Amino acid sequence: MTENKGKFDFAIDRGGTFTDVFARLPDGRERVLKLLSRDPQNYKDAPTEGIRRVLEEETGRVFPREQPVDTALIGWIRMGTTVATNALLEREGERTALLVTLGFKDLLHIGTQARPKLFDLEVVVPEVLYEEVIEVDERVVLKQDDCQLPRKDPKRDSLEVWRELDLERVEKDLRGVLSRGITSLAVLLLHSYTFSDHEKAVGALARRLGFTQVSLSSEVMPMVRAVPRGYTVCADAYLTPKIHQYLKGFTSGFKGGLKDVDVLFMQSDGGLTPMEQFCGSRAVLSGPAGGVVGYAITSFSQTEKKPVIGFDMGGE
């Protein structure tokens, strides 16, 4: 982490029940603050309130709660959050439609057929995240000369378009979905990880028609295997609006919308990403990942290499 002389640096864990704020002060001292994540009678946003309190108490200046916080004294902000985690667990994401290649309507219902308990007579299948499915009559396949080759990752020049995309038909179907109040779209077309033209055309059309969230599997997770790519793009379309909604509220509590502050969010893989790139598919384990990274840095010895058990207990 970079040093910001004369400024306050903040690392925040916003959980569903409590928000923990770690602050490094300009003189090198450290402060820790815990707040309720939801306390609407006293403040709109817990991380913003935590930052405001630290600045007010340590500088002796008044930072009115009803006004955006002055960011002149803020060096950087790092945050992990369970906003996406809780929205997924409680099924409170955005209403979503899935657009998929014709013939694969039930692909994500069927999945890979892998079962963790093979001999259980009652198989519990997780619910999908989308409400409606649009099948698109398009098809990209391996060229006939190459179809017998043992390719795990076919390149674009080994593919051919058997059926072109009918955008007029797609537009009609998309308008029907919009008329039913669904504004988030996940797009999953076969072989789009290497041939993304059709997905990009659908994405451009959907945005023009008024979809507020359009997630393309070729952008979210450009990898072989349609099933995991499909699960990921659906999660992205389902959760990203919730992430954007939270970020809009968070940034509105600061002057300039935090545009002049170095703000990074924890991703599910334990890495940090700029606020503008923080999205649903990267945020599912944002909160828990921060704890794992913390355990690894503070408790695991690279020389002794003894296993470490970390325990993370949420509220409610």
Protein backbone atom coordinates (compact mmCIF):
# COMPACT_ATOMS: atom_id res chain seq x y z
CA MET A 1 0.00 0.00 0.00
CA THR A 2 1.27 3.45 -0.84
CA GLU A 3 1.99 5.98 1.88
CA ASN A 4 0.04 9.23 1.91
CA LYS A 5 1.81 11.67 4.20
CA GLY A 6 -0.59 13.97 6.00
CA LYS A 7 -3.63 11.93 4.95
CA PHE A 8 -5.91 9.28 6.39
CA ASP A 9 -6.01 5.78 4.88
CA PHE A 10 -9.00 3.48 5.40
CA ALA A 11 -9.54 -0.27 5.09
CA ILE A 12 -13.18 -1.29 5.54
CA ASP A 13 -15.06 -4.57 5.85
CA ARG A 14 -18.76 -3.97 5.25
CA GLY A 15 -20.71 -7.02 6.35
CA GLY A 16 -24.41 -7.63 6.46
CA THR A 17 -24.66 -6.82 10.17
CA PHE A 18 -21.50 -4.96 11.20
CA THR A 19 -19.02 -2.73 9.42
CA ASP A 20 -15.41 -2.64 10.63
CA VAL A 21 -13.28 0.39 9.83
CA PHE A 22 -9.49 0.40 10.13
CA ALA A 23 -7.87 3.81 9.84
CA ARG A 24 -4.19 4.70 9.57
CA LEU A 25 -3.73 8.27 10.75
CA PRO A 26 -1.24 10.81 9.35
CA ASP A 27 0.98 10.46 12.44
CA GLY A 28 1.20 6.70 12.02
CA ARG A 29 -1.30 5.75 14.70
CA GLU A 30 -4.07 3.27 13.96
CA ARG A 31 -7.74 3.29 14.89
CA VAL A 32 -10.45 0.66 14.67
CA LEU A 33 -14.16 1.44 14.63
CA LYS A 34 -17.20 -0.87 14.51
CA LEU A 35 -20.67 0.23 13.41
CA LEU A 36 -23.98 -1.36 12.52
CA SER A 37 -24.14 -1.78 8.75
CA ARG A 38 -27.76 -0.62 8.81
CA ASP A 39 -28.80 2.18 11.14
CA PRO A 40 -31.03 4.46 9.02
CA GLN A 41 -32.09 6.59 11.98
CA ASN A 42 -28.50 7.77 12.46
CA TYR A 43 -26.74 7.48 9.07
CA LYS A 44 -27.30 6.39 5.47
CA ASP A 45 -24.12 4.37 4.92
CA ALA A 46 -21.90 2.73 7.53
CA PRO A 47 -18.49 2.98 5.74
CA THR A 48 -19.13 6.67 5.01
CA GLU A 49 -20.14 7.27 8.63
CA GLY A 50 -17.04 5.48 9.91
CA ILE A 51 -14.77 7.64 7.76
CA ARG A 52 -16.63 10.79 8.81
CA ARG A 53 -16.30 9.98 12.51
CA VAL A 54 -12.58 9.29 12.31
CA LEU A 55 -11.91 12.51 10.40
CA GLU A 56 -14.03 14.57 12.78
CA GLU A 57 -12.60 13.10 15.98
CA GLU A 58 -8.96 13.19 14.87
CA THR A 59 -8.92 16.64 13.24
CA GLY A 60 -11.26 18.48 15.59
CA ARG A 61 -13.16 19.79 12.57
CA VAL A 62 -16.87 19.41 12.05
CA PHE A 63 -17.90 17.10 9.21
CA PRO A 64 -21.70 17.48 9.09
CA ARG A 65 -23.47 14.17 8.63
CA GLU A 66 -26.01 15.66 6.22
CA GLN A 67 -23.30 16.98 3.88
CA PRO A 68 -20.89 15.07 1.58
CA VAL A 69 -17.58 14.34 3.30
CA ASP A 70 -14.62 16.47 2.21
CA THR A 71 -12.04 14.10 0.69
CA ALA A 72 -9.02 16.43 0.91
CA LEU A 73 -7.62 14.46 3.88
CA ILE A 74 -8.32 10.96 2.50
CA GLY A 75 -5.37 9.11 0.96
CA TRP A 76 -6.94 5.81 -0.08
CA ILE A 77 -9.88 3.53 0.68
CA ARG A 78 -9.87 -0.26 0.47
CA MET A 79 -13.12 -2.14 0.96
CA GLY A 80 -14.54 -5.63 1.02
CA THR A 81 -18.30 -6.09 1.08
CA THR A 82 -20.94 -8.80 1.33
CA VAL A 83 -23.48 -6.80 -0.70
CA ALA A 84 -23.31 -9.32 -3.57
CA THR A 85 -22.95 -12.30 -1.22
CA ASN A 86 -26.14 -11.50 0.67
CA ALA A 87 -28.06 -10.57 -2.47
CA LEU A 88 -27.19 -13.99 -3.92
CA LEU A 89 -28.01 -15.96 -0.76
CA GLU A 90 -31.28 -14.11 -0.17
CA ARG A 91 -32.20 -14.04 -3.88
CA GLU A 92 -32.51 -10.25 -3.91
CA GLY A 93 -30.68 -9.59 -7.16
CA GLU A 94 -32.03 -7.91 -10.29
CA ARG A 95 -34.71 -9.57 -12.43
CA THR A 96 -32.71 -11.22 -15.20
CA ALA A 97 -33.26 -12.88 -18.57
CA LEU A 98 -30.86 -15.33 -20.25
CA LEU A 99 -30.25 -15.22 -24.01
CA VAL A 100 -28.76 -18.49 -25.27
CA THR A 101 -28.12 -20.42 -28.50
CA LEU A 102 -31.18 -22.24 -29.84
CA GLY A 103 -31.52 -25.75 -28.40
CA PHE A 104 -29.75 -24.96 -25.13
CA LYS A 105 -32.62 -23.44 -23.19
CA ASP A 106 -32.21 -25.89 -20.30
CA LEU A 107 -28.41 -25.99 -20.31
CA LEU A 108 -27.97 -24.36 -16.90
CA HIS A 109 -30.82 -26.38 -15.39
CA ILE A 110 -29.11 -29.59 -16.49
CA GLY A 111 -25.59 -28.38 -15.65
CA THR A 112 -22.77 -30.91 -15.82
CA GLN A 113 -24.71 -33.68 -14.04
CA ALA A 114 -21.95 -33.79 -11.43
CA ARG A 115 -23.31 -34.58 -7.95
CA PRO A 116 -21.30 -34.19 -4.72
CA LYS A 117 -23.25 -37.10 -3.16
CA LEU A 118 -23.54 -39.59 -5.99
CA PHE A 119 -25.78 -42.14 -4.28
CA ASP A 120 -28.33 -39.77 -2.72
CA LEU A 121 -31.82 -40.63 -3.96
CA GLU A 122 -33.02 -37.05 -3.60
CA VAL A 123 -30.99 -34.64 -5.70
CA VAL A 124 -31.34 -30.96 -4.79
CA VAL A 125 -30.76 -28.78 -7.84
CA PRO A 126 -29.93 -25.10 -7.17
CA GLU A 127 -32.38 -22.59 -8.61
CA VAL A 128 -31.23 -20.63 -11.64
CA LEU A 129 -30.92 -16.85 -11.34
CA TYR A 130 -32.87 -15.88 -14.45
CA GLU A 131 -36.63 -15.60 -14.94
CA GLU A 132 -36.90 -15.99 -18.69
CA VAL A 133 -34.91 -17.55 -21.52
CA ILE A 134 -34.60 -16.26 -25.07
CA GLU A 135 -33.33 -18.80 -27.58
CA VAL A 136 -31.41 -17.34 -30.53
CA ASP A 137 -31.28 -19.22 -33.83
CA GLU A 138 -27.54 -18.82 -34.43
CA ARG A 139 -24.77 -21.39 -34.54
CA VAL A 140 -20.99 -21.35 -34.66
CA VAL A 141 -19.24 -24.75 -35.01
CA LEU A 142 -15.87 -26.30 -35.74
CA LYS A 143 -15.10 -26.57 -39.45
CA GLN A 144 -15.86 -30.01 -40.82
CA ASP A 145 -12.21 -30.60 -41.70
CA ASP A 146 -11.24 -29.92 -38.08
CA CYS A 147 -14.08 -31.57 -36.19
CA GLN A 148 -12.10 -34.75 -35.43
CA LEU A 149 -9.11 -32.88 -34.05
CA PRO A 150 -8.57 -33.19 -30.27
CA ARG A 151 -8.91 -29.46 -29.69
CA LYS A 152 -9.47 -28.27 -26.13
CA ASP A 153 -9.30 -24.63 -27.15
CA PRO A 154 -10.25 -24.15 -30.80
CA LYS A 155 -9.11 -20.89 -32.34
CA ARG A 156 -11.25 -18.50 -34.30
CA ASP A 157 -9.87 -19.59 -37.68
CA SER A 158 -11.01 -23.18 -36.99
CA LEU A 159 -14.64 -22.11 -36.56
CA GLU A 160 -17.32 -21.36 -39.08
CA VAL A 161 -20.72 -19.72 -38.83
CA TRP A 162 -23.44 -22.18 -39.77
CA ARG A 163 -26.27 -19.79 -39.02
CA GLU A 164 -25.98 -16.02 -38.89
CA LEU A 165 -27.58 -13.96 -36.16
CA ASP A 166 -31.08 -12.64 -36.94
CA LEU A 167 -31.05 -9.31 -35.11
CA GLU A 168 -34.60 -8.42 -36.14
CA ARG A 169 -35.94 -11.52 -34.40
CA VAL A 170 -33.68 -10.92 -31.41
CA GLU A 171 -34.95 -7.34 -31.13
CA LYS A 172 -38.56 -8.54 -31.07
CA ASP A 173 -37.79 -11.02 -28.29
CA LEU A 174 -35.83 -8.47 -26.28
CA ARG A 175 -38.63 -5.93 -26.50
CA GLY A 176 -41.00 -8.55 -25.12
CA VAL A 177 -38.72 -9.14 -22.12
CA LEU A 178 -38.42 -5.40 -21.49
CA SER A 179 -42.19 -5.00 -21.58
CA ARG A 180 -42.39 -7.41 -18.64
CA GLY A 181 -40.09 -5.26 -16.54
CA ILE A 182 -36.86 -7.26 -16.89
CA THR A 183 -33.93 -4.92 -17.53
CA SER A 184 -30.92 -7.15 -16.86
CA LEU A 185 -29.66 -9.53 -19.56
CA ALA A 186 -27.13 -12.38 -19.53
CA VAL A 187 -25.87 -13.48 -22.96
CA LEU A 188 -24.46 -16.99 -23.47
CA LEU A 189 -23.75 -18.13 -27.03
CA LEU A 190 -21.75 -21.23 -27.92
CA HIS A 191 -18.03 -20.76 -28.66
CA SER A 192 -18.25 -17.05 -27.81
CA TYR A 193 -15.01 -17.31 -25.81
CA THR A 194 -13.18 -17.25 -29.15
CA PHE A 195 -15.90 -16.00 -31.55
CA SER A 196 -17.58 -13.10 -29.76
CA ASP A 197 -19.11 -11.26 -32.73
CA HIS A 198 -22.65 -12.49 -32.15
CA GLU A 199 -22.60 -11.75 -28.44
CA LYS A 200 -21.27 -8.25 -29.02
CA ALA A 201 -23.99 -7.57 -31.61
CA VAL A 202 -26.68 -8.73 -29.17
CA GLY A 203 -25.13 -6.66 -26.38
CA ALA A 204 -25.10 -3.48 -28.47
CA LEU A 205 -28.73 -4.04 -29.46
CA ALA A 206 -29.85 -4.71 -25.89
CA ARG A 207 -28.19 -1.55 -24.59
CA ARG A 208 -29.80 0.49 -27.36
CA LEU A 209 -33.20 -0.90 -26.46
CA GLY A 210 -32.81 0.15 -22.83
CA PHE A 211 -31.45 -2.79 -20.83
CA THR A 212 -29.64 -1.27 -17.85
CA GLN A 213 -27.34 -4.26 -17.36
CA VAL A 214 -25.98 -6.41 -20.18
CA SER A 215 -23.45 -9.11 -19.30
CA LEU A 216 -21.68 -11.01 -22.11
CA SER A 217 -20.06 -14.34 -21.31
CA SER A 218 -17.27 -13.53 -23.78
CA GLU A 219 -16.33 -10.53 -21.62
CA VAL A 220 -17.14 -11.76 -18.13
CA MET A 221 -15.51 -15.21 -18.44
CA PRO A 222 -13.97 -15.96 -21.87
CA MET A 223 -13.19 -19.63 -21.33
CA VAL A 224 -14.03 -23.02 -22.83
CA ARG A 225 -17.09 -24.85 -21.39
CA ALA A 226 -20.45 -23.18 -21.70
CA VAL A 227 -21.91 -24.33 -18.37
CA PRO A 228 -19.50 -22.59 -15.96
CA ARG A 229 -19.37 -19.62 -18.32
CA GLY A 230 -23.16 -19.49 -18.20
CA TYR A 231 -23.36 -19.66 -14.42
CA THR A 232 -20.86 -16.84 -14.14
CA VAL A 233 -22.49 -14.51 -16.66
CA CYS A 234 -25.89 -15.05 -15.03
CA ALA A 235 -24.45 -14.17 -11.62
CA ASP A 236 -22.90 -11.06 -13.14
CA ALA A 237 -26.18 -9.90 -14.68
CA TYR A 238 -28.10 -10.74 -11.51
CA LEU A 239 -25.75 -9.05 -9.01
CA THR A 240 -24.01 -6.18 -10.82
CA PRO A 241 -27.04 -3.83 -10.59
CA LYS A 242 -27.01 -4.32 -6.81
CA ILE A 243 -23.30 -3.52 -6.72
CA HIS A 244 -23.82 -0.39 -8.82
CA GLN A 245 -26.72 0.66 -6.62
CA TYR A 246 -24.55 0.37 -3.51
CA LEU A 247 -21.58 2.15 -5.10
CA LYS A 248 -23.82 5.02 -6.20
CA GLY A 249 -25.04 5.49 -2.64
CA PHE A 250 -21.54 5.14 -1.20
CA THR A 251 -19.87 7.66 -3.51
CA SER A 252 -22.71 10.18 -3.08
CA GLY A 253 -21.62 10.60 0.52
CA PHE A 254 -18.34 12.25 -0.54
CA LYS A 255 -17.51 15.47 -2.34
CA GLY A 256 -16.72 14.82 -5.98
CA GLY A 257 -18.02 11.27 -5.75
CA LEU A 258 -14.56 10.02 -4.65
CA LYS A 259 -13.17 10.69 -8.13
CA ASP A 260 -9.96 12.15 -6.67
CA VAL A 261 -9.47 9.32 -4.14
CA ASP A 262 -7.70 6.00 -4.71
CA VAL A 263 -10.54 3.51 -4.06
CA LEU A 264 -10.12 -0.25 -4.56
CA PHE A 265 -12.54 -3.09 -3.78
CA MET A 266 -11.70 -6.63 -2.76
CA GLN A 267 -12.58 -9.28 -5.34
CA SER A 268 -13.53 -12.91 -4.78
CA ASP A 269 -9.97 -13.99 -5.69
CA GLY A 270 -8.44 -11.85 -2.96
CA GLY A 271 -7.14 -9.21 -5.37
CA LEU A 272 -8.14 -5.56 -5.52
CA THR A 273 -9.89 -3.84 -8.40
CA PRO A 274 -10.80 -0.20 -9.17
CA MET A 275 -14.30 0.77 -8.12
CA GLU A 276 -15.34 1.27 -11.76
CA GLN A 277 -14.52 -2.38 -12.56
CA PHE A 278 -16.15 -3.93 -9.50
CA CYS A 279 -19.02 -6.13 -10.71
CA GLY A 280 -21.27 -8.96 -9.64
CA SER A 281 -19.19 -11.89 -10.89
CA ARG A 282 -16.14 -10.56 -9.03
CA ALA A 283 -17.93 -9.61 -5.82
CA VAL A 284 -19.60 -12.81 -4.60
CA LEU A 285 -16.82 -13.57 -2.09
CA SER A 286 -15.51 -10.03 -1.67
CA GLY A 287 -16.08 -9.96 2.09
CA PRO A 288 -14.87 -13.49 2.98
CA ALA A 289 -11.84 -13.17 0.68
CA GLY A 290 -10.51 -10.27 2.73
CA GLY A 291 -10.49 -12.44 5.83
CA VAL A 292 -8.60 -15.22 4.05
CA VAL A 293 -5.98 -12.79 2.76
CA GLY A 294 -5.63 -11.36 6.26
CA TYR A 295 -5.16 -14.81 7.80
CA ALA A 296 -2.56 -15.70 5.19
CA ILE A 297 -0.52 -12.53 5.70
CA THR A 298 -0.65 -12.40 9.51
CA SER A 299 -0.84 -16.06 10.59
CA PHE A 300 0.76 -18.31 7.99
CA SER A 301 4.51 -18.85 8.20
CA GLN A 302 6.23 -19.27 4.84
CA THR A 303 9.09 -21.11 6.58
CA GLU A 304 7.16 -23.45 8.92
CA LYS A 305 4.22 -23.86 6.50
CA LYS A 306 1.91 -25.13 9.24
CA PRO A 307 -1.78 -25.19 8.23
CA VAL A 308 -3.87 -22.31 9.56
CA ILE A 309 -7.59 -22.49 10.29
CA GLY A 310 -9.48 -19.23 10.01
CA PHE A 311 -12.99 -18.71 11.38
CA ASP A 312 -15.25 -16.02 9.97
CA MET A 313 -18.64 -15.66 11.66
CA GLY A 314 -21.21 -13.24 10.37
CA GLY A 315 -24.05 -11.64 12.28
CA GLU A 316 -27.79 -12.22 12.12
